[in-house]
PDB file of N, CA and C in Angstrom:
ATOM      1  N   MET A   1       0.957  -1.226  -0.068  1.00  0.00           N
ATOM      2  CA  MET A   1      -0.127  -0.124   0.011  1.00  0.00           C
ATOM      3  C   MET A   1       0.762   1.115   0.034  1.00  0.00           C
ATOM      4  N   ALA A   2       0.646   2.101  -0.774  1.00  0.00           N
ATOM      5  CA  ALA A   2       1.612   3.066  -1.317  1.00  0.00           C
ATOM      6  C   ALA A   2       1.035   4.307   0.089  1.00  0.00           C
ATOM      7  N   HIS A   3       1.745   4.974   0.861  1.00  0.00           N
ATOM      8  CA  HIS A   3       1.308   6.020   1.801  1.00  0.00           C
ATOM      9  C   HIS A   3       1.544   7.249   1.166  1.00  0.00           C
ATOM     10  N   ARG A   4       0.414   8.015   1.043  1.00  0.00           N
ATOM     11  CA  ARG A   4       0.609   9.387   0.740  1.00  0.00           C
ATOM     12  C   ARG A   4       1.025  10.497   1.865  1.00  0.00           C
ATOM     13  N   LYS A   5       1.713  11.192   1.654  1.00  0.00           N
ATOM     14  CA  LYS A   5       2.100  12.227   2.813  1.00  0.00           C
ATOM     15  C   LYS A   5       1.395  13.462   2.648  1.00  0.00           C
ATOM     16  N   GLU A   6       1.268  14.010   3.757  1.00  0.00           N
ATOM     17  CA  GLU A   6       0.435  15.346   3.593  1.00  0.00           C
ATOM     18  C   GLU A   6       1.404  16.161   4.395  1.00  0.00           C
ATOM     19  N   ILE A   7       2.501  15.934   4.892  1.00  0.00           N
ATOM     20  CA  ILE A   7       3.631  16.646   5.407  1.00  0.00           C
ATOM     21  C   ILE A   7       4.954  16.140   4.977  1.00  0.00           C
ATOM     22  N   SER A   8       5.633  17.181   4.907  1.00  0.00           N
ATOM     23  CA  SER A   8       6.943  16.643   4.296  1.00  0.00           C
ATOM     24  C   SER A   8       7.760  16.016   5.126  1.00  0.00           C
ATOM     25  N   THR A   9       9.056  15.331   4.805  1.00  0.00           N
ATOM     26  CA  THR A   9       9.917  14.523   5.854  1.00  0.00           C
ATOM     27  C   THR A   9      10.525  15.625   6.632  1.00  0.00           C
ATOM     28  N   ALA A  10      10.820  16.655   6.068  1.00  0.00           N
ATOM     29  CA  ALA A  10      11.569  17.767   6.862  1.00  0.00           C
ATOM     30  C   ALA A  10      10.940  18.482   7.758  1.00  0.00           C
ATOM     31  N   LEU A  11       9.561  18.578   7.605  1.00  0.00           N
ATOM     32  CA  LEU A  11       8.754  19.201   8.580  1.00  0.00           C
ATOM     33  C   LEU A  11       8.336  17.761   9.821  1.00  0.00           C
ATOM     34  N   TRP A  12       8.327  16.880   9.195  1.00  0.00           N
ATOM     35  CA  TRP A  12       8.144  15.721  10.151  1.00  0.00           C
ATOM     36  C   TRP A  12       9.436  15.446  10.968  1.00  0.00           C
ATOM     37  N   LYS A  13      10.492  16.006  10.728  1.00  0.00           N
ATOM     38  CA  LYS A  13      11.744  15.770  11.577  1.00  0.00           C
ATOM     39  C   LYS A  13      11.816  16.886  12.634  1.00  0.00           C
ATOM     40  N   ARG A  14      10.963  18.162  12.341  1.00  0.00           N
ATOM     41  CA  ARG A  14      10.885  18.958  13.320  1.00  0.00           C
ATOM     42  C   ARG A  14       9.761  18.708  14.392  1.00  0.00           C
ATOM     43  N   ILE A  15       8.808  18.125  13.852  1.00  0.00           N
ATOM     44  CA  ILE A  15       7.715  17.895  14.579  1.00  0.00           C
ATOM     45  C   ILE A  15       7.918  16.844  15.779  1.00  0.00           C
ATOM     46  N   HIS A  16       8.650  15.662  15.230  1.00  0.00           N
ATOM     47  CA  HIS A  16       8.734  14.537  15.902  1.00  0.00           C
ATOM     48  C   HIS A  16       9.037  14.572  17.232  1.00  0.00           C
ATOM     49  N   PRO A  17      10.178  15.605  17.406  1.00  0.00           N
ATOM     50  CA  PRO A  17      10.612  15.822  19.127  1.00  0.00           C
ATOM     51  C   PRO A  17       9.601  16.049  19.950  1.00  0.00           C
ATOM     52  N   LEU A  18       8.635  16.711  19.405  1.00  0.00           N
ATOM     53  CA  LEU A  18       7.537  17.565  20.127  1.00  0.00           C
ATOM     54  C   LEU A  18       6.536  16.544  20.809  1.00  0.00           C
ATOM     55  N   ILE A  19       6.425  15.439  20.143  1.00  0.00           N
ATOM     56  CA  ILE A  19       5.124  14.237  20.091  1.00  0.00           C
ATOM     57  C   ILE A  19       5.930  13.353  21.470  1.00  0.00           C
ATOM     58  N   PRO A  20       4.987  13.424  22.441  1.00  0.00           N
ATOM     59  CA  PRO A  20       5.297  12.721  23.453  1.00  0.00           C
ATOM     60  C   PRO A  20       5.309  11.052  23.028  1.00  0.00           C
ATOM     61  N   VAL A  21       6.067  10.353  23.610  1.00  0.00           N
ATOM     62  CA  VAL A  21       6.305   8.903  23.687  1.00  0.00           C
ATOM     63  C   VAL A  21       5.217   8.287  24.404  1.00  0.00           C
ATOM     64  N   VAL A  22       4.667   7.285  23.877  1.00  0.00           N
ATOM     65  CA  VAL A  22       3.696   6.556  24.746  1.00  0.00           C
ATOM     66  C   VAL A  22       4.017   5.047  24.409  1.00  0.00           C
ATOM     67  N   PRO A  23       4.355   4.345  26.042  1.00  0.00           N
ATOM     68  CA  PRO A  23       4.616   3.330  25.898  1.00  0.00           C
ATOM     69  C   PRO A  23       3.498   2.357  25.205  1.00  0.00           C
ATOM     70  N   PRO A  24       4.045   1.044  24.771  1.00  0.00           N
ATOM     71  CA  PRO A  24       3.012   0.002  24.214  1.00  0.00           C
ATOM     72  C   PRO A  24       2.002  -0.471  25.519  1.00  0.00           C
ATOM     73  N   SER A  25       0.812  -0.707  25.283  1.00  0.00           N
ATOM     74  CA  SER A  25       0.079  -1.200  26.446  1.00  0.00           C
ATOM     75  C   SER A  25       0.597  -2.628  26.962  1.00  0.00           C
ATOM     76  N   PRO A  26       0.556  -2.513  28.387  1.00  0.00           N
ATOM     77  CA  PRO A  26       1.186  -3.957  28.767  1.00  0.00           C
ATOM     78  C   PRO A  26       0.170  -5.208  28.549  1.00  0.00           C
ATOM     79  N   LYS A  27      -1.198  -4.818  28.155  1.00  0.00           N
ATOM     80  CA  LYS A  27      -2.221  -5.844  27.758  1.00  0.00           C
ATOM     81  C   LYS A  27      -1.967  -6.216  26.402  1.00  0.00           C
ATOM     82  N   GLY A  28      -1.070  -5.794  25.953  1.00  0.00           N
ATOM     83  CA  GLY A  28      -0.887  -6.174  24.388  1.00  0.00           C
ATOM     84  C   GLY A  28      -1.878  -5.476  23.490  1.00  0.00           C
ATOM     85  N   GLY A  29      -2.462  -6.278  22.560  1.00  0.00           N
ATOM     86  CA  GLY A  29      -3.353  -5.655  21.510  1.00  0.00           C
ATOM     87  C   GLY A  29      -2.670  -5.611  20.184  1.00  0.00           C
ATOM     88  N   ARG A  30      -3.390  -4.792  19.458  1.00  0.00           N
ATOM     89  CA  ARG A  30      -3.351  -4.175  18.078  1.00  0.00           C
ATOM     90  C   ARG A  30      -1.960  -3.343  18.116  1.00  0.00           C
ATOM     91  N   PRO A  31      -0.841  -3.291  17.410  1.00  0.00           N
ATOM     92  CA  PRO A  31       0.234  -2.342  17.015  1.00  0.00           C
ATOM     93  C   PRO A  31      -0.381  -1.035  16.818  1.00  0.00           C
ATOM     94  N   SER A  32       0.005  -0.097  17.216  1.00  0.00           N
ATOM     95  CA  SER A  32      -0.368   1.290  17.386  1.00  0.00           C
ATOM     96  C   SER A  32       0.010   1.780  15.899  1.00  0.00           C
ATOM     97  N   VAL A  33      -0.881   2.637  15.354  1.00  0.00           N
ATOM     98  CA  VAL A  33      -0.525   3.435  14.016  1.00  0.00           C
ATOM     99  C   VAL A  33       0.664   4.306  14.476  1.00  0.00           C
ATOM    100  N   ASP A  34       1.718   4.465  13.594  1.00  0.00           N
ATOM    101  CA  ASP A  34       2.956   5.202  14.062  1.00  0.00           C
ATOM    102  C   ASP A  34       2.347   6.991  13.883  1.00  0.00           C
ATOM    103  N   ASP A  35       3.097   7.444  14.610  1.00  0.00           N
ATOM    104  CA  ASP A  35       2.795   9.032  14.910  1.00  0.00           C
ATOM    105  C   ASP A  35       2.739   9.907  13.642  1.00  0.00           C
ATOM    106  N   GLN A  36       3.712   9.631  12.602  1.00  0.00           N
ATOM    107  CA  GLN A  36       3.751  10.235  11.416  1.00  0.00           C
ATOM    108  C   GLN A  36       2.609  10.021  10.475  1.00  0.00           C
ATOM    109  N   SER A  37       1.914   8.751  10.592  1.00  0.00           N
ATOM    110  CA  SER A  37       0.746   8.290   9.666  1.00  0.00           C
ATOM    111  C   SER A  37      -0.464   9.109  10.336  1.00  0.00           C
ATOM    112  N   ALA A  38      -0.389   8.914  11.782  1.00  0.00           N
ATOM    113  CA  ALA A  38      -1.614   9.409  12.500  1.00  0.00           C
ATOM    114  C   ALA A  38      -1.442  11.012  11.975  1.00  0.00           C
ATOM    115  N   LEU A  39      -0.442  11.832  12.110  1.00  0.00           N
ATOM    116  CA  LEU A  39      -0.615  13.403  12.030  1.00  0.00           C
ATOM    117  C   LEU A  39      -0.758  13.388  10.184  1.00  0.00           C
ATOM    118  N   ASN A  40      -0.497  12.508   9.336  1.00  0.00           N
ATOM    119  CA  ASN A  40      -0.888  12.836   8.128  1.00  0.00           C
ATOM    120  C   ASN A  40      -2.331  12.923   7.944  1.00  0.00           C
ATOM    121  N   GLY A  41      -2.919  11.717   8.511  1.00  0.00           N
ATOM    122  CA  GLY A  41      -4.258  11.568   8.636  1.00  0.00           C
ATOM    123  C   GLY A  41      -4.939  12.520   9.043  1.00  0.00           C
ATOM    124  N   ILE A  42      -4.559  13.360  10.358  1.00  0.00           N
ATOM    125  CA  ILE A  42      -5.059  14.469  10.959  1.00  0.00           C
ATOM    126  C   ILE A  42      -5.185  15.612  10.042  1.00  0.00           C
ATOM    127  N   VAL A  43      -3.999  16.025   9.338  1.00  0.00           N
ATOM    128  CA  VAL A  43      -3.722  17.051   8.065  1.00  0.00           C
ATOM    129  C   VAL A  43      -4.824  16.682   7.204  1.00  0.00           C
ATOM    130  N   TYR A  44      -4.972  15.552   6.770  1.00  0.00           N
ATOM    131  CA  TYR A  44      -5.857  15.315   5.740  1.00  0.00           C
ATOM    132  C   TYR A  44      -7.254  15.586   5.731  1.00  0.00           C
ATOM    133  N   VAL A  45      -7.608  15.114   7.372  1.00  0.00           N
ATOM    134  CA  VAL A  45      -9.032  15.488   7.431  1.00  0.00           C
ATOM    135  C   VAL A  45      -9.156  16.876   7.597  1.00  0.00           C
ATOM    136  N   LEU A  46      -8.313  17.752   8.393  1.00  0.00           N
ATOM    137  CA  LEU A  46      -8.255  18.936   8.468  1.00  0.00           C
ATOM    138  C   LEU A  46      -8.269  19.973   7.323  1.00  0.00           C
ATOM    139  N   ARG A  47      -7.570  19.245   6.189  1.00  0.00           N
ATOM    140  CA  ARG A  47      -7.428  20.187   4.929  1.00  0.00           C
ATOM    141  C   ARG A  47      -8.696  19.761   4.003  1.00  0.00           C
ATOM    142  N   THR A  48      -9.086  18.669   4.019  1.00  0.00           N
ATOM    143  CA  THR A  48     -10.235  18.142   3.210  1.00  0.00           C
ATOM    144  C   THR A  48     -11.634  18.461   3.838  1.00  0.00           C
ATOM    145  N   GLY A  49     -11.787  18.730   4.927  1.00  0.00           N
ATOM    146  CA  GLY A  49     -13.019  19.071   5.906  1.00  0.00           C
ATOM    147  C   GLY A  49     -13.965  17.680   6.067  1.00  0.00           C
ATOM    148  N   ILE A  50     -13.493  16.750   5.607  1.00  0.00           N
ATOM    149  CA  ILE A  50     -14.100  15.383   5.743  1.00  0.00           C
ATOM    150  C   ILE A  50     -14.467  14.921   7.352  1.00  0.00           C
ATOM    151  N   ALA A  51     -15.461  13.967   7.606  1.00  0.00           N
ATOM    152  CA  ALA A  51     -15.973  13.662   9.018  1.00  0.00           C
ATOM    153  C   ALA A  51     -14.530  12.772   9.184  1.00  0.00           C
ATOM    154  N   TRP A  52     -14.297  12.566  10.409  1.00  0.00           N
ATOM    155  CA  TRP A  52     -13.105  11.691  10.793  1.00  0.00           C
ATOM    156  C   TRP A  52     -13.546  10.198  10.312  1.00  0.00           C
ATOM    157  N   GLU A  53     -14.625   9.718  10.495  1.00  0.00           N
ATOM    158  CA  GLU A  53     -15.020   8.475  10.111  1.00  0.00           C
ATOM    159  C   GLU A  53     -15.073   8.109   8.822  1.00  0.00           C
ATOM    160  N   ASP A  54     -14.852   9.207   7.914  1.00  0.00           N
ATOM    161  CA  ASP A  54     -14.890   9.282   6.308  1.00  0.00           C
ATOM    162  C   ASP A  54     -13.169   8.974   6.037  1.00  0.00           C
ATOM    163  N   LEU A  55     -12.413   9.187   6.614  1.00  0.00           N
ATOM    164  CA  LEU A  55     -10.952   9.133   6.549  1.00  0.00           C
ATOM    165  C   LEU A  55     -10.500   7.709   5.767  1.00  0.00           C
ATOM    166  N   PRO A  56     -10.120   7.723   4.440  1.00  0.00           N
ATOM    167  CA  PRO A  56      -9.960   6.561   3.691  1.00  0.00           C
ATOM    168  C   PRO A  56      -9.116   5.744   4.211  1.00  0.00           C
ATOM    169  N   GLN A  57      -9.405   4.510   4.327  1.00  0.00           N
ATOM    170  CA  GLN A  57      -8.274   3.360   4.942  1.00  0.00           C
ATOM    171  C   GLN A  57      -7.036   3.255   3.954  1.00  0.00           C
ATOM    172  N   GLU A  58      -7.428   3.230   2.921  1.00  0.00           N
ATOM    173  CA  GLU A  58      -6.461   3.000   1.755  1.00  0.00           C
ATOM    174  C   GLU A  58      -5.229   3.959   1.804  1.00  0.00           C
ATOM    175  N   LEU A  59      -5.548   5.280   2.362  1.00  0.00           N
ATOM    176  CA  LEU A  59      -4.346   6.110   2.423  1.00  0.00           C
ATOM    177  C   LEU A  59      -3.191   5.496   3.043  1.00  0.00           C
ATOM    178  N   GLY A  60      -3.557   4.779   4.224  1.00  0.00           N
ATOM    179  CA  GLY A  60      -2.492   4.055   5.137  1.00  0.00           C
ATOM    180  C   GLY A  60      -2.279   4.926   6.484  1.00  0.00           C
ATOM    181  N   TYR A  61      -3.301   5.777   6.925  1.00  0.00           N
ATOM    182  CA  TYR A  61      -3.025   6.573   7.911  1.00  0.00           C
ATOM    183  C   TYR A  61      -3.717   6.247   9.214  1.00  0.00           C
ATOM    184  N   GLY A  62      -4.478   4.941   9.365  1.00  0.00           N
ATOM    185  CA  GLY A  62      -5.227   4.484  10.067  1.00  0.00           C
ATOM    186  C   GLY A  62      -6.558   4.667  10.255  1.00  0.00           C
ATOM    187  N   SER A  63      -7.375   4.514  11.134  1.00  0.00           N
ATOM    188  CA  SER A  63      -8.835   5.020  11.109  1.00  0.00           C
ATOM    189  C   SER A  63      -9.166   6.438  11.456  1.00  0.00           C
ATOM    190  N   GLY A  64      -9.883   6.935  11.080  1.00  0.00           N
ATOM    191  CA  GLY A  64     -10.344   8.362  11.631  1.00  0.00           C
ATOM    192  C   GLY A  64     -10.364   8.566  13.016  1.00  0.00           C
ATOM    193  N   MET A  65     -11.192   7.363  13.728  1.00  0.00           N
ATOM    194  CA  MET A  65     -11.045   7.606  15.158  1.00  0.00           C
ATOM    195  C   MET A  65      -9.592   7.346  15.678  1.00  0.00           C
ATOM    196  N   THR A  66      -8.640   6.623  15.325  1.00  0.00           N
ATOM    197  CA  THR A  66      -7.301   6.576  15.571  1.00  0.00           C
ATOM    198  C   THR A  66      -6.934   7.997  15.731  1.00  0.00           C
ATOM    199  N   CYS A  67      -6.796   8.565  14.206  1.00  0.00           N
ATOM    200  CA  CYS A  67      -6.355   9.992  14.109  1.00  0.00           C
ATOM    201  C   CYS A  67      -6.819  10.967  15.057  1.00  0.00           C
ATOM    202  N   TRP A  68      -8.213  11.012  15.331  1.00  0.00           N
ATOM    203  CA  TRP A  68      -9.102  11.813  16.198  1.00  0.00           C
ATOM    204  C   TRP A  68      -8.439  11.655  17.534  1.00  0.00           C
ATOM    205  N   ARG A  69      -8.360  10.270  17.921  1.00  0.00           N
ATOM    206  CA  ARG A  69      -7.922  10.250  19.373  1.00  0.00           C
ATOM    207  C   ARG A  69      -6.447  10.784  19.663  1.00  0.00           C
ATOM    208  N   ARG A  70      -5.531  10.368  18.737  1.00  0.00           N
ATOM    209  CA  ARG A  70      -4.362  10.816  18.696  1.00  0.00           C
ATOM    210  C   ARG A  70      -4.389  12.459  18.844  1.00  0.00           C
ATOM    211  N   LEU A  71      -5.096  13.274  17.947  1.00  0.00           N
ATOM    212  CA  LEU A  71      -4.944  14.788  18.094  1.00  0.00           C
ATOM    213  C   LEU A  71      -5.530  15.100  19.319  1.00  0.00           C
ATOM    214  N   ARG A  72      -6.586  14.455  19.979  1.00  0.00           N
ATOM    215  CA  ARG A  72      -7.194  14.680  21.332  1.00  0.00           C
ATOM    216  C   ARG A  72      -6.083  14.354  22.307  1.00  0.00           C
ATOM    217  N   ASP A  73      -4.973  13.489  22.249  1.00  0.00           N
ATOM    218  CA  ASP A  73      -4.074  13.230  23.355  1.00  0.00           C
ATOM    219  C   ASP A  73      -2.951  14.202  23.143  1.00  0.00           C
ATOM    220  N   TRP A  74      -2.812  14.656  21.790  1.00  0.00           N
ATOM    221  CA  TRP A  74      -1.542  15.406  21.810  1.00  0.00           C
ATOM    222  C   TRP A  74      -2.025  16.870  22.213  1.00  0.00           C
ATOM    223  N   GLN A  75      -3.346  17.246  22.152  1.00  0.00           N
ATOM    224  CA  GLN A  75      -3.965  18.601  22.694  1.00  0.00           C
ATOM    225  C   GLN A  75      -3.785  18.604  24.016  1.00  0.00           C
ATOM    226  N   ALA A  76      -4.323  17.403  24.777  1.00  0.00           N
ATOM    227  CA  ALA A  76      -3.956  17.174  26.155  1.00  0.00           C
ATOM    228  C   ALA A  76      -2.642  17.341  26.585  1.00  0.00           C
ATOM    229  N   ALA A  77      -1.819  16.942  25.974  1.00  0.00           N
ATOM    230  CA  ALA A  77      -0.358  16.971  26.057  1.00  0.00           C
ATOM    231  C   ALA A  77       0.359  18.093  26.126  1.00  0.00           C
ATOM    232  N   GLY A  78      -0.402  19.126  25.381  1.00  0.00           N
ATOM    233  CA  GLY A  78       0.180  20.549  25.145  1.00  0.00           C
ATOM    234  C   GLY A  78       0.880  20.731  23.780  1.00  0.00           C
ATOM    235  N   VAL A  79       1.109  19.486  22.960  1.00  0.00           N
ATOM    236  CA  VAL A  79       1.552  19.408  22.021  1.00  0.00           C
ATOM    237  C   VAL A  79       1.130  20.622  20.864  1.00  0.00           C
ATOM    238  N   CYS A  80      -0.368  20.681  21.099  1.00  0.00           N
ATOM    239  CA  CYS A  80      -0.897  21.422  19.640  1.00  0.00           C
ATOM    240  C   CYS A  80      -2.272  22.077  20.537  1.00  0.00           C
ATOM    241  N   GLU A  81      -2.552  23.487  20.340  1.00  0.00           N
ATOM    242  CA  GLU A  81      -4.007  23.732  20.926  1.00  0.00           C
ATOM    243  C   GLU A  81      -5.144  23.222  20.115  1.00  0.00           C
ATOM    244  N   PRO A  82      -5.904  23.291  20.845  1.00  0.00           N
ATOM    245  CA  PRO A  82      -7.423  22.774  20.271  1.00  0.00           C
ATOM    246  C   PRO A  82      -7.631  24.164  19.113  1.00  0.00           C
ATOM    247  N   ALA A  83      -8.548  23.498  18.092  1.00  0.00           N
ATOM    248  CA  ALA A  83      -8.952  24.501  17.017  1.00  0.00           C
ATOM    249  C   ALA A  83      -9.986  25.150  17.739  1.00  0.00           C
ATOM    250  N   PRO A  84     -10.265  26.592  17.670  1.00  0.00           N
ATOM    251  CA  PRO A  84     -11.570  27.472  17.873  1.00  0.00           C
ATOM    252  C   PRO A  84     -12.861  26.813  17.421  1.00  0.00           C
TER     253      PRO A  84
END
């Protein structure tokens, strides 16, 4: 599956250190979507204005709900501010 990029590699290298590391769940479970893919999904949804649940799986960003949760968690951690 080809991964589309909404943000450049250069920009990701600047953003990556700002994102908190979340350890894997001790309960196991499904592997997490990587932060770069989740950020690309967030940017895609915000750029296009689609609903979170309409994020196309074939883009390789994870589900819309995963991207929404990641944005919520990053906002709670102070990585980015909530949109007005």
